[in-house]
């Protein structure tokens, strides 16, 4: 399991395989726009919601760690995802592209935690800038998905996916253990 452009390219290629190049561009742009809006909500609104709901940083950290661990296990073990359904441009851009491919649930949790811990305006703007940079890389990956797949090939992506999956699983477990040690 991977996140970022190396995960986005094959996912985008697979779900848009039957579409023309003219149809793929608007889907990629819309998915990035929706994902960026969601990331900004996580950064700027998430910490306030966390506080108003009475959720502790430890609880959000444990939840994000658990989501990361589950998603990583699914990727490592090859758990099949739900079958893709025929959908229009708007549906593909929202799901499965914006959510969960570009913005997986554990990423929202991590961003909320970072924003809660580094709540100065400069820090929040820096987080937004990094999120924007990642979304631009994801857009490039979707735009050049077929070329990326042709160069890297499925075997390379599977190997990288396995390596990153194990590392992400360990990060998820580490987040949970960190909370358990602090409790």
C-alpha atoms as a PDB file:
ATOM      1  CA  UNK A   1       0.000   0.000   0.000  1.00  0.00           C
ATOM      2  CA  UNK A   2       1.248   3.420  -0.870  1.00  0.00           C
ATOM      3  CA  UNK A   3      -0.055   6.921  -0.778  1.00  0.00           C
ATOM      4  CA  UNK A   4       0.784   9.799  -3.025  1.00  0.00           C
ATOM      5  CA  UNK A   5       1.623   9.812  -6.724  1.00  0.00           C
ATOM      6  CA  UNK A   6       2.867   6.218  -6.898  1.00  0.00           C
ATOM      7  CA  UNK A   7      -0.510   4.991  -5.638  1.00  0.00           C
ATOM      8  CA  UNK A   8      -2.518   7.543  -7.579  1.00  0.00           C
ATOM      9  CA  UNK A   9      -1.104   6.750 -11.036  1.00  0.00           C
ATOM     10  CA  UNK A  10      -2.171   3.068 -11.244  1.00  0.00           C
ATOM     11  CA  UNK A  11      -5.481   3.731  -9.476  1.00  0.00           C
ATOM     12  CA  UNK A  12      -6.352   6.553 -11.869  1.00  0.00           C
ATOM     13  CA  UNK A  13      -5.287   4.491 -14.890  1.00  0.00           C
ATOM     14  CA  UNK A  14      -7.447   1.558 -13.785  1.00  0.00           C
ATOM     15  CA  UNK A  15     -10.634   3.468 -13.041  1.00  0.00           C
ATOM     16  CA  UNK A  16     -10.420   5.661 -16.144  1.00  0.00           C
ATOM     17  CA  UNK A  17      -9.239   2.936 -18.539  1.00  0.00           C
ATOM     18  CA  UNK A  18     -12.397   3.120 -20.663  1.00  0.00           C
ATOM     19  CA  UNK A  19     -12.367   6.917 -20.889  1.00  0.00           C
ATOM     20  CA  UNK A  20     -10.753   9.135 -23.498  1.00  0.00           C
ATOM     21  CA  UNK A  21      -7.920  11.526 -22.674  1.00  0.00           C
ATOM     22  CA  UNK A  22     -10.385  14.411 -23.002  1.00  0.00           C
ATOM     23  CA  UNK A  23     -12.583  12.836 -20.309  1.00  0.00           C
ATOM     24  CA  UNK A  24      -9.718  12.045 -17.932  1.00  0.00           C
ATOM     25  CA  UNK A  25      -8.402  15.601 -17.556  1.00  0.00           C
ATOM     26  CA  UNK A  26     -11.524  17.112 -15.984  1.00  0.00           C
ATOM     27  CA  UNK A  27     -11.867  14.142 -13.631  1.00  0.00           C
ATOM     28  CA  UNK A  28      -8.291  14.558 -12.397  1.00  0.00           C
ATOM     29  CA  UNK A  29      -8.703  18.322 -11.899  1.00  0.00           C
ATOM     30  CA  UNK A  30     -12.007  17.933 -10.055  1.00  0.00           C
ATOM     31  CA  UNK A  31     -10.617  15.187  -7.801  1.00  0.00           C
ATOM     32  CA  UNK A  32      -7.615  17.340  -6.860  1.00  0.00           C
ATOM     33  CA  UNK A  33      -9.830  20.362  -6.182  1.00  0.00           C
ATOM     34  CA  UNK A  34     -12.181  18.346  -3.956  1.00  0.00           C
ATOM     35  CA  UNK A  35      -9.270  16.672  -2.150  1.00  0.00           C
ATOM     36  CA  UNK A  36      -7.542  20.007  -1.530  1.00  0.00           C
ATOM     37  CA  UNK A  37     -10.764  21.470  -0.125  1.00  0.00           C
ATOM     38  CA  UNK A  38     -11.080  18.469   2.208  1.00  0.00           C
ATOM     39  CA  UNK A  39      -7.477  18.833   3.367  1.00  0.00           C
ATOM     40  CA  UNK A  40      -8.022  22.526   4.116  1.00  0.00           C
ATOM     41  CA  UNK A  41     -11.116  21.651   6.150  1.00  0.00           C
ATOM     42  CA  UNK A  42      -9.033  19.102   8.099  1.00  0.00           C
ATOM     43  CA  UNK A  43      -6.312  21.687   8.737  1.00  0.00           C
ATOM     44  CA  UNK A  44      -8.427  24.726   9.561  1.00  0.00           C
ATOM     45  CA  UNK A  45     -11.659  23.250  10.955  1.00  0.00           C
ATOM     46  CA  UNK A  46     -10.613  19.818  12.252  1.00  0.00           C
ATOM     47  CA  UNK A  47      -8.891  20.915  15.485  1.00  0.00           C
ATOM     48  CA  UNK A  48     -11.904  23.012  16.505  1.00  0.00           C
ATOM     49  CA  UNK A  49     -14.270  20.121  15.822  1.00  0.00           C
ATOM     50  CA  UNK A  50     -11.993  17.775  17.733  1.00  0.00           C
ATOM     51  CA  UNK A  51     -12.092  20.110  20.727  1.00  0.00           C
ATOM     52  CA  UNK A  52     -15.857  20.791  20.536  1.00  0.00           C
ATOM     53  CA  UNK A  53     -16.603  17.068  20.356  1.00  0.00           C
ATOM     54  CA  UNK A  54     -14.372  16.422  23.367  1.00  0.00           C
ATOM     55  CA  UNK A  55     -12.061  14.105  21.436  1.00  0.00           C
ATOM     56  CA  UNK A  56      -8.574  14.043  22.889  1.00  0.00           C
ATOM     57  CA  UNK A  57      -5.465  14.172  20.772  1.00  0.00           C
ATOM     58  CA  UNK A  58      -4.662  10.681  22.016  1.00  0.00           C
ATOM     59  CA  UNK A  59      -8.017   9.365  20.768  1.00  0.00           C
ATOM     60  CA  UNK A  60      -7.570  10.968  17.353  1.00  0.00           C
ATOM     61  CA  UNK A  61      -4.010   9.639  17.194  1.00  0.00           C
ATOM     62  CA  UNK A  62      -5.174   6.121  18.076  1.00  0.00           C
ATOM     63  CA  UNK A  63      -7.992   6.326  15.513  1.00  0.00           C
ATOM     64  CA  UNK A  64      -5.635   7.548  12.786  1.00  0.00           C
ATOM     65  CA  UNK A  65      -3.124   4.842  13.713  1.00  0.00           C
ATOM     66  CA  UNK A  66      -5.807   2.165  13.612  1.00  0.00           C
ATOM     67  CA  UNK A  67      -7.064   3.364  10.206  1.00  0.00           C
ATOM     68  CA  UNK A  68      -3.499   3.425   8.861  1.00  0.00           C
ATOM     69  CA  UNK A  69      -2.832  -0.063  10.207  1.00  0.00           C
ATOM     70  CA  UNK A  70      -6.055  -1.471   8.712  1.00  0.00           C
ATOM     71  CA  UNK A  71      -5.484   0.167   5.319  1.00  0.00           C
ATOM     72  CA  UNK A  72      -1.884  -1.066   5.288  1.00  0.00           C
ATOM     73  CA  UNK A  73      -2.928  -4.614   6.156  1.00  0.00           C
ATOM     74  CA  UNK A  74      -5.499  -4.579   3.361  1.00  0.00           C
ATOM     75  CA  UNK A  75      -2.802  -3.510   0.921  1.00  0.00           C
ATOM     76  CA  UNK A  76      -0.223  -6.006   2.168  1.00  0.00           C
ATOM     77  CA  UNK A  77      -2.616  -8.960   2.234  1.00  0.00           C
ATOM     78  CA  UNK A  78      -4.245  -7.997  -1.027  1.00  0.00           C
ATOM     79  CA  UNK A  79      -7.720  -7.647   0.417  1.00  0.00           C
ATOM     80  CA  UNK A  80      -9.966  -6.866  -2.540  1.00  0.00           C
ATOM     81  CA  UNK A  81     -11.692  -3.521  -2.547  1.00  0.00           C
ATOM     82  CA  UNK A  82     -15.296  -3.005  -3.513  1.00  0.00           C
ATOM     83  CA  UNK A  83     -15.893  -3.489  -7.223  1.00  0.00           C
ATOM     84  CA  UNK A  84     -15.768  -0.338  -9.277  1.00  0.00           C
ATOM     85  CA  UNK A  85     -19.112   0.838 -10.504  1.00  0.00           C
ATOM     86  CA  UNK A  86     -19.905   2.618 -13.700  1.00  0.00           C
ATOM     87  CA  UNK A  87     -20.067   6.278 -12.812  1.00  0.00           C
ATOM     88  CA  UNK A  88     -20.003   9.676 -14.370  1.00  0.00           C
ATOM     89  CA  UNK A  89     -17.201  12.215 -14.148  1.00  0.00           C
ATOM     90  CA  UNK A  90     -18.491  13.733 -10.908  1.00  0.00           C
ATOM     91  CA  UNK A  91     -18.771  10.390  -9.153  1.00  0.00           C
ATOM     92  CA  UNK A  92     -15.280   9.190 -10.142  1.00  0.00           C
ATOM     93  CA  UNK A  93     -13.735  12.474  -9.045  1.00  0.00           C
ATOM     94  CA  UNK A  94     -15.302  12.198  -5.607  1.00  0.00           C
ATOM     95  CA  UNK A  95     -15.061   8.447  -5.069  1.00  0.00           C
ATOM     96  CA  UNK A  96     -12.774   6.618  -5.453  1.00  0.00           C
ATOM     97  CA  UNK A  97     -10.364   9.398  -6.479  1.00  0.00           C
ATOM     98  CA  UNK A  98     -10.707  12.245  -3.973  1.00  0.00           C
ATOM     99  CA  UNK A  99     -11.833   9.832  -1.237  1.00  0.00           C
ATOM    100  CA  UNK A 100     -10.064   7.556  -0.341  1.00  0.00           C
ATOM    101  CA  UNK A 101      -7.269   7.633  -2.954  1.00  0.00           C
ATOM    102  CA  UNK A 102      -6.109  11.248  -2.633  1.00  0.00           C
ATOM    103  CA  UNK A 103      -7.405  11.790   0.909  1.00  0.00           C
ATOM    104  CA  UNK A 104      -7.410   8.562   2.903  1.00  0.00           C
ATOM    105  CA  UNK A 105      -9.120   8.759   6.324  1.00  0.00           C
ATOM    106  CA  UNK A 106      -5.878   8.343   8.281  1.00  0.00           C
ATOM    107  CA  UNK A 107      -4.400  11.365   6.478  1.00  0.00           C
ATOM    108  CA  UNK A 108      -7.282  13.481   7.748  1.00  0.00           C
ATOM    109  CA  UNK A 109      -6.561  12.296  11.295  1.00  0.00           C
ATOM    110  CA  UNK A 110      -2.865  13.086  11.003  1.00  0.00           C
ATOM    111  CA  UNK A 111      -3.569  16.556   9.585  1.00  0.00           C
ATOM    112  CA  UNK A 112      -6.039  17.321  12.374  1.00  0.00           C
ATOM    113  CA  UNK A 113      -3.414  16.282  14.936  1.00  0.00           C
ATOM    114  CA  UNK A 114      -0.691  18.382  13.324  1.00  0.00           C
ATOM    115  CA  UNK A 115      -3.013  21.379  13.062  1.00  0.00           C
ATOM    116  CA  UNK A 116      -4.037  20.999  16.712  1.00  0.00           C
ATOM    117  CA  UNK A 117      -0.401  20.833  17.850  1.00  0.00           C
ATOM    118  CA  UNK A 118       0.939  23.528  15.528  1.00  0.00           C
ATOM    119  CA  UNK A 119      -1.946  25.978  15.481  1.00  0.00           C
ATOM    120  CA  UNK A 120      -0.072  29.181  14.643  1.00  0.00           C
ATOM    121  CA  UNK A 121      -1.246  30.766  11.388  1.00  0.00           C
ATOM    122  CA  UNK A 122       2.177  30.333   9.767  1.00  0.00           C
ATOM    123  CA  UNK A 123       2.209  26.622  10.583  1.00  0.00           C
ATOM    124  CA  UNK A 124      -1.309  26.118   9.239  1.00  0.00           C
ATOM    125  CA  UNK A 125      -0.380  27.912   6.023  1.00  0.00           C
ATOM    126  CA  UNK A 126       2.749  25.768   5.705  1.00  0.00           C
ATOM    127  CA  UNK A 127       0.654  22.610   6.125  1.00  0.00           C
ATOM    128  CA  UNK A 128      -1.731  23.898   3.465  1.00  0.00           C
ATOM    129  CA  UNK A 129       1.206  24.612   1.160  1.00  0.00           C
ATOM    130  CA  UNK A 130       2.552  21.096   1.622  1.00  0.00           C
ATOM    131  CA  UNK A 131      -0.922  19.652   0.983  1.00  0.00           C
ATOM    132  CA  UNK A 132      -1.170  21.744  -2.186  1.00  0.00           C
ATOM    133  CA  UNK A 133       2.252  20.523  -3.333  1.00  0.00           C
ATOM    134  CA  UNK A 134       1.185  16.906  -2.769  1.00  0.00           C
ATOM    135  CA  UNK A 135      -2.048  17.481  -4.678  1.00  0.00           C
ATOM    136  CA  UNK A 136      -0.096  18.989  -7.588  1.00  0.00           C
ATOM    137  CA  UNK A 137       2.143  15.904  -7.628  1.00  0.00           C
ATOM    138  CA  UNK A 138      -0.970  13.719  -7.574  1.00  0.00           C
ATOM    139  CA  UNK A 139      -2.460  15.707 -10.463  1.00  0.00           C
ATOM    140  CA  UNK A 140       0.764  15.201 -12.434  1.00  0.00           C
ATOM    141  CA  UNK A 141       0.618  11.481 -11.639  1.00  0.00           C
ATOM    142  CA  UNK A 142      -2.926  11.290 -12.963  1.00  0.00           C
ATOM    143  CA  UNK A 143      -2.056  13.349 -16.025  1.00  0.00           C
ATOM    144  CA  UNK A 144       0.906  11.122 -16.888  1.00  0.00           C
ATOM    145  CA  UNK A 145      -0.420   7.853 -15.417  1.00  0.00           C
ATOM    146  CA  UNK A 146       0.034   5.761 -18.556  1.00  0.00           C
ATOM    147  CA  UNK A 147       3.613   6.965 -19.034  1.00  0.00           C
ATOM    148  CA  UNK A 148       4.453   6.331 -15.366  1.00  0.00           C
ATOM    149  CA  UNK A 149       3.042   2.810 -15.580  1.00  0.00           C
ATOM    150  CA  UNK A 150       4.915   2.140 -18.803  1.00  0.00           C
ATOM    151  CA  UNK A 151       8.243   3.212 -17.234  1.00  0.00           C
ATOM    152  CA  UNK A 152       7.880   1.677 -13.762  1.00  0.00           C
ATOM    153  CA  UNK A 153       5.791  -1.350 -14.626  1.00  0.00           C
ATOM    154  CA  UNK A 154       3.439  -3.284 -12.364  1.00  0.00           C
ATOM    155  CA  UNK A 155       6.170  -5.363 -10.700  1.00  0.00           C
ATOM    156  CA  UNK A 156       8.067  -2.291  -9.480  1.00  0.00           C
ATOM    157  CA  UNK A 157       4.856  -0.773  -8.135  1.00  0.00           C
ATOM    158  CA  UNK A 158       3.949  -4.023  -6.340  1.00  0.00           C
ATOM    159  CA  UNK A 159       7.392  -4.216  -4.718  1.00  0.00           C
ATOM    160  CA  UNK A 160       7.213  -0.567  -3.644  1.00  0.00           C
ATOM    161  CA  UNK A 161       3.671  -1.127  -2.414  1.00  0.00           C
ATOM    162  CA  UNK A 162       4.773  -4.050  -0.244  1.00  0.00           C
ATOM    163  CA  UNK A 163       7.711  -2.155   1.242  1.00  0.00           C
ATOM    164  CA  UNK A 164       5.678   0.990   1.912  1.00  0.00           C
ATOM    165  CA  UNK A 165       2.786  -1.092   3.199  1.00  0.00           C
ATOM    166  CA  UNK A 166       4.905  -2.727   5.896  1.00  0.00           C
ATOM    167  CA  UNK A 167       6.406   0.637   6.862  1.00  0.00           C
ATOM    168  CA  UNK A 168       2.965   2.252   7.013  1.00  0.00           C
ATOM    169  CA  UNK A 169       1.654  -0.637   9.104  1.00  0.00           C
ATOM    170  CA  UNK A 170       4.499  -0.061  11.545  1.00  0.00           C
ATOM    171  CA  UNK A 171       3.691   3.663  11.682  1.00  0.00           C
ATOM    172  CA  UNK A 172       0.058   2.879  12.449  1.00  0.00           C
ATOM    173  CA  UNK A 173       1.090   0.500  15.229  1.00  0.00           C
ATOM    174  CA  UNK A 174       3.569   3.094  16.515  1.00  0.00           C
ATOM    175  CA  UNK A 175       0.795   5.692  16.749  1.00  0.00           C
ATOM    176  CA  UNK A 176      -1.335   3.298  18.785  1.00  0.00           C
ATOM    177  CA  UNK A 177       1.579   2.310  21.042  1.00  0.00           C
ATOM    178  CA  UNK A 178       2.462   5.967  21.606  1.00  0.00           C
ATOM    179  CA  UNK A 179      -1.061   6.585  22.886  1.00  0.00           C
ATOM    180  CA  UNK A 180      -0.951   3.467  25.069  1.00  0.00           C
ATOM    181  CA  UNK A 181       2.350   4.570  26.643  1.00  0.00           C
ATOM    182  CA  UNK A 182       1.008   8.038  27.419  1.00  0.00           C
ATOM    183  CA  UNK A 183      -2.214   6.754  29.001  1.00  0.00           C
END
